[in-house]
Amino acid sequence: MPQGWKAEPPEDDDGYFERMTKAIFQAGLNCRMIENKWPNFRKAFDQFSAKRVSSFGEKEVKALMGDTGIVRNERKIRSVIENARESLRLKDEFGSFGDYLKSFKGDERRLTEDLQSRFKHLGESSARTFLYTSGFKLRPTREELEWHSHMKEGKHPR
């Protein structure tokens, strides 16, 4: 697990929003680089206040695209703004982000699929990373089991 990530539930809805954002930005990039830049992300995205980020518009997107302290991927930046809005919708619908996650009663497959359909730029891997870092005990996927088996035999699978 990347340094700085805790495999326990966040304290509040904004904590879930932050962990999801970190999983999205980490996807396809170096975890250590993202971790080193994370204080800049917190500042750029208003401490991950979903309420404040949900009101970001083109002016804020332009400013974020000029911020050398963060990863300037416009699709990911725009997804963070839309995901803040979805996070607020979940709060209205379920009471809290945590209650939304609990509503799946441990059905990991349905939860992962629902996360992917509700949130932008969240694929299966980043959804699983988000869930794991939020304290969910996940069953390993077939690919993860195969990778582990190869590594036990001393063979790198790629």
N, C-alpha and C. Protein backbone atom coordinates (compact mmCIF):
# COMPACT_ATOMS: atom_id res chain seq x y z
N MET A 1 0.86 -1.18 0.00
CA MET A 1 0.00 0.00 0.00
C MET A 1 0.89 1.23 0.00
N PRO A 2 0.58 2.24 -0.83
CA PRO A 2 1.41 3.44 -0.87
C PRO A 2 1.53 4.10 0.50
N GLN A 3 2.70 4.66 0.73
CA GLN A 3 2.95 5.37 1.98
C GLN A 3 1.91 6.48 2.15
N GLY A 4 1.48 6.70 3.39
CA GLY A 4 0.53 7.78 3.66
C GLY A 4 -0.93 7.38 3.51
N TRP A 5 -1.19 6.16 3.03
CA TRP A 5 -2.56 5.70 2.89
C TRP A 5 -2.87 4.80 4.05
N LYS A 6 -4.02 4.98 4.62
CA LYS A 6 -4.44 4.15 5.75
C LYS A 6 -5.59 3.27 5.31
N ALA A 7 -5.51 2.00 5.64
CA ALA A 7 -6.59 1.07 5.28
C ALA A 7 -7.63 1.07 6.39
N GLU A 8 -8.22 2.22 6.62
CA GLU A 8 -9.28 2.36 7.62
C GLU A 8 -10.25 3.43 7.13
N PRO A 9 -11.50 3.37 7.59
CA PRO A 9 -12.48 4.34 7.11
C PRO A 9 -12.06 5.78 7.44
N PRO A 10 -12.27 6.69 6.50
CA PRO A 10 -12.01 8.11 6.78
C PRO A 10 -12.97 8.63 7.85
N GLU A 11 -12.64 9.78 8.40
CA GLU A 11 -13.46 10.36 9.47
C GLU A 11 -14.77 10.95 8.97
N ASP A 12 -14.81 11.37 7.70
CA ASP A 12 -16.02 12.04 7.20
C ASP A 12 -16.13 11.88 5.69
N ASP A 13 -17.21 12.42 5.12
CA ASP A 13 -17.46 12.30 3.69
C ASP A 13 -16.34 12.92 2.86
N ASP A 14 -15.81 14.05 3.31
CA ASP A 14 -14.72 14.68 2.57
C ASP A 14 -13.48 13.78 2.56
N GLY A 15 -13.31 12.99 3.61
CA GLY A 15 -12.21 12.03 3.65
C GLY A 15 -12.35 10.96 2.58
N TYR A 16 -13.58 10.47 2.37
CA TYR A 16 -13.82 9.51 1.29
C TYR A 16 -13.53 10.17 -0.06
N PHE A 17 -13.99 11.40 -0.22
CA PHE A 17 -13.77 12.14 -1.47
C PHE A 17 -12.26 12.28 -1.73
N GLU A 18 -11.50 12.60 -0.70
CA GLU A 18 -10.06 12.74 -0.86
C GLU A 18 -9.41 11.41 -1.25
N ARG A 19 -9.80 10.34 -0.59
CA ARG A 19 -9.19 9.03 -0.90
C ARG A 19 -9.53 8.59 -2.32
N MET A 20 -10.75 8.87 -2.76
CA MET A 20 -11.11 8.52 -4.13
C MET A 20 -10.26 9.32 -5.10
N THR A 21 -10.10 10.61 -4.82
CA THR A 21 -9.30 11.46 -5.70
C THR A 21 -7.86 10.96 -5.77
N LYS A 22 -7.31 10.57 -4.65
CA LYS A 22 -5.94 10.07 -4.63
C LYS A 22 -5.83 8.79 -5.47
N ALA A 23 -6.80 7.90 -5.36
CA ALA A 23 -6.79 6.66 -6.15
C ALA A 23 -6.86 6.97 -7.64
N ILE A 24 -7.64 7.98 -8.01
CA ILE A 24 -7.77 8.37 -9.41
C ILE A 24 -6.46 8.94 -9.93
N PHE A 25 -5.86 9.84 -9.18
CA PHE A 25 -4.61 10.46 -9.66
C PHE A 25 -3.45 9.47 -9.63
N GLN A 26 -3.48 8.51 -8.73
CA GLN A 26 -2.40 7.53 -8.67
C GLN A 26 -2.44 6.57 -9.85
N ALA A 27 -3.61 6.31 -10.39
CA ALA A 27 -3.76 5.33 -11.47
C ALA A 27 -2.86 5.69 -12.65
N GLY A 28 -1.98 4.78 -12.98
CA GLY A 28 -1.08 4.96 -14.11
C GLY A 28 0.13 5.82 -13.83
N LEU A 29 0.27 6.28 -12.60
CA LEU A 29 1.39 7.15 -12.26
C LEU A 29 2.17 6.57 -11.09
N ASN A 30 3.29 7.18 -10.78
CA ASN A 30 4.15 6.75 -9.69
C ASN A 30 3.52 7.16 -8.36
N CYS A 31 3.27 6.18 -7.50
CA CYS A 31 2.63 6.44 -6.20
C CYS A 31 3.43 7.42 -5.35
N ARG A 32 4.74 7.27 -5.36
CA ARG A 32 5.59 8.14 -4.54
C ARG A 32 5.49 9.59 -5.01
N MET A 33 5.43 9.80 -6.33
CA MET A 33 5.29 11.16 -6.86
C MET A 33 3.97 11.79 -6.38
N ILE A 34 2.89 11.01 -6.47
CA ILE A 34 1.59 11.53 -6.04
C ILE A 34 1.63 11.84 -4.54
N GLU A 35 2.22 10.94 -3.77
CA GLU A 35 2.31 11.16 -2.32
C GLU A 35 3.10 12.43 -2.01
N ASN A 36 4.19 12.64 -2.72
CA ASN A 36 5.01 13.84 -2.50
C ASN A 36 4.26 15.12 -2.85
N LYS A 37 3.39 15.05 -3.84
CA LYS A 37 2.64 16.23 -4.28
C LYS A 37 1.32 16.41 -3.51
N TRP A 38 0.96 15.42 -2.69
CA TRP A 38 -0.37 15.44 -2.09
C TRP A 38 -0.68 16.70 -1.27
N PRO A 39 0.25 17.26 -0.52
CA PRO A 39 -0.06 18.51 0.18
C PRO A 39 -0.48 19.63 -0.79
N ASN A 40 0.10 19.63 -1.99
CA ASN A 40 -0.29 20.61 -3.00
C ASN A 40 -1.70 20.34 -3.52
N PHE A 41 -2.05 19.06 -3.67
CA PHE A 41 -3.40 18.69 -4.08
C PHE A 41 -4.41 19.17 -3.04
N ARG A 42 -4.10 18.96 -1.77
CA ARG A 42 -5.02 19.39 -0.70
C ARG A 42 -5.29 20.89 -0.79
N LYS A 43 -4.23 21.65 -1.00
CA LYS A 43 -4.39 23.10 -1.10
C LYS A 43 -5.18 23.46 -2.37
N ALA A 44 -4.82 22.85 -3.49
CA ALA A 44 -5.46 23.17 -4.77
C ALA A 44 -6.95 22.83 -4.77
N PHE A 45 -7.32 21.76 -4.08
CA PHE A 45 -8.71 21.32 -4.05
C PHE A 45 -9.38 21.64 -2.71
N ASP A 46 -9.02 22.78 -2.13
CA ASP A 46 -9.69 23.30 -0.92
C ASP A 46 -9.85 22.25 0.17
N GLN A 47 -8.77 21.56 0.50
CA GLN A 47 -8.76 20.54 1.55
C GLN A 47 -9.80 19.43 1.28
N PHE A 48 -10.15 19.27 0.02
CA PHE A 48 -11.11 18.26 -0.41
C PHE A 48 -12.49 18.45 0.22
N SER A 49 -12.87 19.69 0.36
CA SER A 49 -14.25 19.99 0.74
C SER A 49 -15.11 19.77 -0.50
N ALA A 50 -15.91 18.72 -0.49
CA ALA A 50 -16.75 18.42 -1.65
C ALA A 50 -17.68 19.59 -1.96
N LYS A 51 -18.16 20.26 -0.94
CA LYS A 51 -19.06 21.39 -1.15
C LYS A 51 -18.36 22.50 -1.93
N ARG A 52 -17.13 22.84 -1.54
CA ARG A 52 -16.41 23.90 -2.24
C ARG A 52 -15.96 23.47 -3.64
N VAL A 53 -15.42 22.25 -3.74
CA VAL A 53 -14.93 21.77 -5.04
C VAL A 53 -16.08 21.63 -6.03
N SER A 54 -17.26 21.27 -5.56
CA SER A 54 -18.41 21.11 -6.46
C SER A 54 -18.79 22.41 -7.16
N SER A 55 -18.36 23.54 -6.61
CA SER A 55 -18.69 24.83 -7.23
C SER A 55 -17.60 25.32 -8.17
N PHE A 56 -16.53 24.55 -8.34
CA PHE A 56 -15.45 24.95 -9.26
C PHE A 56 -16.00 25.05 -10.68
N GLY A 57 -15.54 26.05 -11.40
CA GLY A 57 -15.91 26.24 -12.79
C GLY A 57 -14.67 26.35 -13.66
N GLU A 58 -14.85 26.93 -14.84
CA GLU A 58 -13.75 27.04 -15.80
C GLU A 58 -12.57 27.84 -15.26
N LYS A 59 -12.85 28.87 -14.49
CA LYS A 59 -11.77 29.69 -13.91
C LYS A 59 -10.87 28.82 -13.03
N GLU A 60 -11.48 28.00 -12.20
CA GLU A 60 -10.71 27.14 -11.30
C GLU A 60 -9.98 26.04 -12.08
N VAL A 61 -10.63 25.49 -13.11
CA VAL A 61 -9.97 24.47 -13.93
C VAL A 61 -8.72 25.06 -14.58
N LYS A 62 -8.85 26.27 -15.11
CA LYS A 62 -7.70 26.93 -15.74
C LYS A 62 -6.58 27.14 -14.72
N ALA A 63 -6.93 27.58 -13.51
CA ALA A 63 -5.92 27.78 -12.46
C ALA A 63 -5.25 26.46 -12.09
N LEU A 64 -6.03 25.39 -11.97
CA LEU A 64 -5.48 24.08 -11.63
C LEU A 64 -4.55 23.58 -12.74
N MET A 65 -4.91 23.83 -13.99
CA MET A 65 -4.07 23.41 -15.10
C MET A 65 -2.74 24.16 -15.12
N GLY A 66 -2.68 25.30 -14.46
CA GLY A 66 -1.44 26.07 -14.37
C GLY A 66 -0.66 25.81 -13.10
N ASP A 67 -1.18 24.95 -12.23
CA ASP A 67 -0.55 24.69 -10.93
C ASP A 67 0.50 23.58 -11.08
N THR A 68 1.77 23.96 -11.04
CA THR A 68 2.86 22.98 -11.21
C THR A 68 3.03 22.06 -10.01
N GLY A 69 2.34 22.34 -8.92
CA GLY A 69 2.45 21.51 -7.73
C GLY A 69 1.61 20.25 -7.77
N ILE A 70 0.70 20.16 -8.75
CA ILE A 70 -0.16 18.98 -8.87
C ILE A 70 0.05 18.35 -10.24
N VAL A 71 -0.56 17.20 -10.46
CA VAL A 71 -0.55 16.57 -11.78
C VAL A 71 -1.62 17.28 -12.60
N ARG A 72 -1.20 17.86 -13.72
CA ARG A 72 -2.11 18.68 -14.52
C ARG A 72 -2.73 17.87 -15.66
N ASN A 73 -3.55 16.93 -15.29
CA ASN A 73 -4.30 16.11 -16.23
C ASN A 73 -5.73 16.65 -16.22
N GLU A 74 -6.11 17.31 -17.30
CA GLU A 74 -7.40 18.00 -17.31
C GLU A 74 -8.57 17.04 -17.11
N ARG A 75 -8.52 15.86 -17.70
CA ARG A 75 -9.63 14.91 -17.53
C ARG A 75 -9.78 14.51 -16.06
N LYS A 76 -8.65 14.28 -15.40
CA LYS A 76 -8.71 13.90 -13.98
C LYS A 76 -9.16 15.08 -13.13
N ILE A 77 -8.69 16.27 -13.44
CA ILE A 77 -9.11 17.47 -12.69
C ILE A 77 -10.62 17.66 -12.81
N ARG A 78 -11.13 17.58 -14.04
CA ARG A 78 -12.58 17.74 -14.24
C ARG A 78 -13.36 16.62 -13.54
N SER A 79 -12.79 15.42 -13.51
CA SER A 79 -13.48 14.32 -12.83
C SER A 79 -13.59 14.59 -11.33
N VAL A 80 -12.58 15.22 -10.75
CA VAL A 80 -12.62 15.54 -9.32
C VAL A 80 -13.79 16.47 -9.03
N ILE A 81 -14.00 17.45 -9.88
CA ILE A 81 -15.09 18.41 -9.69
C ILE A 81 -16.44 17.69 -9.80
N GLU A 82 -16.59 16.87 -10.83
CA GLU A 82 -17.84 16.13 -10.99
C GLU A 82 -18.03 15.13 -9.85
N ASN A 83 -16.96 14.51 -9.41
CA ASN A 83 -17.05 13.54 -8.31
C ASN A 83 -17.42 14.22 -6.99
N ALA A 84 -17.02 15.47 -6.82
CA ALA A 84 -17.45 16.23 -5.63
C ALA A 84 -18.96 16.40 -5.66
N ARG A 85 -19.49 16.69 -6.83
CA ARG A 85 -20.95 16.85 -6.97
C ARG A 85 -21.67 15.53 -6.68
N GLU A 86 -21.12 14.44 -7.21
CA GLU A 86 -21.73 13.12 -6.96
C GLU A 86 -21.64 12.75 -5.49
N SER A 87 -20.55 13.10 -4.85
CA SER A 87 -20.39 12.84 -3.42
C SER A 87 -21.50 13.54 -2.62
N LEU A 88 -21.82 14.76 -3.01
CA LEU A 88 -22.91 15.49 -2.34
C LEU A 88 -24.26 14.86 -2.62
N ARG A 89 -24.45 14.35 -3.85
CA ARG A 89 -25.71 13.66 -4.17
C ARG A 89 -25.86 12.40 -3.31
N LEU A 90 -24.75 11.68 -3.11
CA LEU A 90 -24.79 10.48 -2.25
C LEU A 90 -25.20 10.84 -0.83
N LYS A 91 -24.66 11.95 -0.35
CA LYS A 91 -24.99 12.39 1.01
C LYS A 91 -26.49 12.67 1.12
N ASP A 92 -27.05 13.31 0.10
CA ASP A 92 -28.50 13.58 0.10
C ASP A 92 -29.30 12.28 0.05
N GLU A 93 -28.84 11.34 -0.77
CA GLU A 93 -29.59 10.10 -0.98
C GLU A 93 -29.44 9.10 0.17
N PHE A 94 -28.24 8.98 0.73
CA PHE A 94 -27.96 7.93 1.72
C PHE A 94 -27.67 8.45 3.12
N GLY A 95 -27.46 9.74 3.26
CA GLY A 95 -27.11 10.31 4.56
C GLY A 95 -25.63 10.58 4.71
N SER A 96 -24.82 9.70 4.13
CA SER A 96 -23.36 9.90 4.15
C SER A 96 -22.73 8.97 3.12
N PHE A 97 -21.49 9.27 2.77
CA PHE A 97 -20.75 8.42 1.85
C PHE A 97 -20.57 7.03 2.46
N GLY A 98 -20.24 6.99 3.74
CA GLY A 98 -20.08 5.72 4.44
C GLY A 98 -21.34 4.88 4.42
N ASP A 99 -22.50 5.53 4.61
CA ASP A 99 -23.77 4.80 4.58
C ASP A 99 -24.05 4.25 3.18
N TYR A 100 -23.68 5.00 2.15
CA TYR A 100 -23.80 4.51 0.77
C TYR A 100 -22.99 3.22 0.61
N LEU A 101 -21.73 3.25 1.04
CA LEU A 101 -20.87 2.07 0.90
C LEU A 101 -21.43 0.88 1.69
N LYS A 102 -21.94 1.13 2.89
CA LYS A 102 -22.50 0.07 3.72
C LYS A 102 -23.78 -0.52 3.12
N SER A 103 -24.48 0.26 2.30
CA SER A 103 -25.75 -0.20 1.74
C SER A 103 -25.58 -1.42 0.83
N PHE A 104 -24.35 -1.70 0.41
CA PHE A 104 -24.10 -2.86 -0.45
C PHE A 104 -23.89 -4.14 0.34
N LYS A 105 -23.89 -4.03 1.66
CA LYS A 105 -23.82 -5.18 2.57
C LYS A 105 -22.73 -6.19 2.16
N GLY A 106 -21.56 -5.66 1.82
CA GLY A 106 -20.43 -6.53 1.51
C GLY A 106 -20.40 -7.09 0.10
N ASP A 107 -21.37 -6.73 -0.75
CA ASP A 107 -21.35 -7.21 -2.13
C ASP A 107 -20.34 -6.37 -2.92
N GLU A 108 -19.11 -6.83 -2.85
CA GLU A 108 -17.98 -6.12 -3.42
C GLU A 108 -18.13 -5.86 -4.93
N ARG A 109 -18.59 -6.86 -5.67
CA ARG A 109 -18.73 -6.72 -7.12
C ARG A 109 -19.74 -5.63 -7.47
N ARG A 110 -20.93 -5.68 -6.83
CA ARG A 110 -21.94 -4.65 -7.11
C ARG A 110 -21.47 -3.27 -6.70
N LEU A 111 -20.80 -3.18 -5.56
CA LEU A 111 -20.30 -1.90 -5.08
C LEU A 111 -19.27 -1.33 -6.05
N THR A 112 -18.34 -2.15 -6.48
CA THR A 112 -17.32 -1.68 -7.42
C THR A 112 -17.96 -1.21 -8.72
N GLU A 113 -18.92 -1.97 -9.22
CA GLU A 113 -19.62 -1.57 -10.45
C GLU A 113 -20.39 -0.27 -10.26
N ASP A 114 -21.04 -0.12 -9.11
CA ASP A 114 -21.80 1.11 -8.86
C ASP A 114 -20.87 2.32 -8.74
N LEU A 115 -19.76 2.15 -8.05
CA LEU A 115 -18.79 3.24 -7.96
C LEU A 115 -18.33 3.67 -9.35
N GLN A 116 -18.03 2.69 -10.20
CA GLN A 116 -17.57 2.99 -11.55
C GLN A 116 -18.64 3.71 -12.37
N SER A 117 -19.90 3.38 -12.14
CA SER A 117 -20.96 4.03 -12.92
C SER A 117 -21.28 5.43 -12.40
N ARG A 118 -21.10 5.66 -11.12
CA ARG A 118 -21.43 6.97 -10.53
C ARG A 118 -20.31 7.99 -10.66
N PHE A 119 -19.07 7.54 -10.55
CA PHE A 119 -17.94 8.46 -10.46
C PHE A 119 -17.11 8.45 -11.73
N LYS A 120 -16.61 9.61 -12.09
CA LYS A 120 -15.81 9.78 -13.31
C LYS A 120 -14.37 9.35 -13.06
N HIS A 121 -13.80 8.78 -14.10
CA HIS A 121 -12.38 8.41 -14.13
C HIS A 121 -12.04 7.39 -13.05
N LEU A 122 -13.01 6.58 -12.67
CA LEU A 122 -12.80 5.56 -11.65
C LEU A 122 -13.00 4.20 -12.30
N GLY A 123 -11.89 3.52 -12.61
CA GLY A 123 -11.96 2.19 -13.19
C GLY A 123 -11.98 1.14 -12.09
N GLU A 124 -11.94 -0.12 -12.50
CA GLU A 124 -12.01 -1.20 -11.51
C GLU A 124 -10.84 -1.15 -10.54
N SER A 125 -9.64 -0.96 -11.06
CA SER A 125 -8.45 -0.92 -10.19
C SER A 125 -8.50 0.24 -9.22
N SER A 126 -8.82 1.43 -9.72
CA SER A 126 -8.85 2.59 -8.82
C SER A 126 -10.02 2.50 -7.84
N ALA A 127 -11.13 1.88 -8.26
CA ALA A 127 -12.26 1.68 -7.33
C ALA A 127 -11.83 0.73 -6.21
N ARG A 128 -11.12 -0.33 -6.55
CA ARG A 128 -10.65 -1.28 -5.54
C ARG A 128 -9.62 -0.63 -4.63
N THR A 129 -8.73 0.19 -5.20
CA THR A 129 -7.75 0.91 -4.38
C THR A 129 -8.47 1.82 -3.40
N PHE A 130 -9.47 2.55 -3.90
CA PHE A 130 -10.25 3.44 -3.04
C PHE A 130 -10.90 2.65 -1.90
N LEU A 131 -11.53 1.54 -2.22
CA LEU A 131 -12.21 0.74 -1.19
C LEU A 131 -11.21 0.20 -0.18
N TYR A 132 -10.09 -0.31 -0.66
CA TYR A 132 -9.08 -0.87 0.24
C TYR A 132 -8.55 0.21 1.19
N THR A 133 -8.23 1.37 0.65
CA THR A 133 -7.68 2.44 1.50
C THR A 133 -8.74 3.04 2.41
N SER A 134 -10.00 2.70 2.16
CA SER A 134 -11.09 3.17 3.02
C SER A 134 -11.50 2.10 4.03
N GLY A 135 -10.69 1.06 4.15
CA GLY A 135 -10.90 0.07 5.19
C GLY A 135 -11.69 -1.17 4.80
N PHE A 136 -12.03 -1.31 3.52
CA PHE A 136 -12.77 -2.49 3.09
C PHE A 136 -11.83 -3.68 2.95
N LYS A 137 -12.27 -4.82 3.45
CA LYS A 137 -11.52 -6.06 3.27
C LYS A 137 -11.99 -6.67 1.96
N LEU A 138 -11.12 -6.66 0.96
CA LEU A 138 -11.49 -7.12 -0.37
C LEU A 138 -10.94 -8.52 -0.64
N ARG A 139 -11.72 -9.30 -1.37
CA ARG A 139 -11.23 -10.59 -1.84
C ARG A 139 -10.32 -10.31 -3.04
N PRO A 140 -9.20 -11.02 -3.14
CA PRO A 140 -8.30 -10.77 -4.27
C PRO A 140 -8.96 -11.19 -5.58
N THR A 141 -8.64 -10.46 -6.64
CA THR A 141 -9.12 -10.82 -7.97
C THR A 141 -8.28 -11.98 -8.50
N ARG A 142 -8.75 -12.61 -9.55
CA ARG A 142 -8.00 -13.71 -10.17
C ARG A 142 -6.61 -13.23 -10.61
N GLU A 143 -6.55 -12.02 -11.18
CA GLU A 143 -5.27 -11.47 -11.63
C GLU A 143 -4.31 -11.28 -10.45
N GLU A 144 -4.84 -10.80 -9.33
CA GLU A 144 -4.00 -10.61 -8.15
C GLU A 144 -3.49 -11.95 -7.62
N LEU A 145 -4.35 -12.97 -7.64
CA LEU A 145 -3.93 -14.30 -7.18
C LEU A 145 -2.86 -14.88 -8.09
N GLU A 146 -3.04 -14.71 -9.42
CA GLU A 146 -2.04 -15.21 -10.37
C GLU A 146 -0.71 -14.49 -10.17
N TRP A 147 -0.75 -13.19 -9.99
CA TRP A 147 0.47 -12.40 -9.79
C TRP A 147 1.19 -12.90 -8.54
N HIS A 148 0.43 -13.08 -7.45
CA HIS A 148 1.02 -13.54 -6.19
C HIS A 148 1.65 -14.92 -6.36
N SER A 149 0.98 -15.81 -7.09
CA SER A 149 1.48 -17.16 -7.32
C SER A 149 2.80 -17.11 -8.08
N HIS A 150 2.88 -16.29 -9.12
CA HIS A 150 4.12 -16.15 -9.89
C HIS A 150 5.24 -15.60 -9.03
N MET A 151 4.93 -14.61 -8.20
CA MET A 151 5.95 -13.99 -7.36
C MET A 151 6.47 -14.99 -6.32
N LYS A 152 5.58 -15.84 -5.79
CA LYS A 152 6.00 -16.86 -4.82
C LYS A 152 6.99 -17.84 -5.46
N GLU A 153 6.79 -18.10 -6.75
CA GLU A 153 7.67 -19.01 -7.48
C GLU A 153 8.95 -18.30 -7.94
N GLY A 154 9.07 -17.03 -7.64
CA GLY A 154 10.25 -16.28 -8.04
C GLY A 154 10.23 -15.80 -9.47
N LYS A 155 9.06 -15.83 -10.10
CA LYS A 155 8.92 -15.39 -11.49
C LYS A 155 8.08 -14.13 -11.53
N HIS A 156 8.60 -13.11 -12.16
CA HIS A 156 7.78 -11.90 -12.34
C HIS A 156 6.80 -12.18 -13.46
N PRO A 157 5.52 -11.90 -13.27
CA PRO A 157 4.50 -12.28 -14.26
C PRO A 157 4.54 -11.51 -15.56
N ARG A 158 5.37 -10.49 -15.67
CA ARG A 158 5.38 -9.71 -16.93
C ARG A 158 6.68 -9.80 -17.63
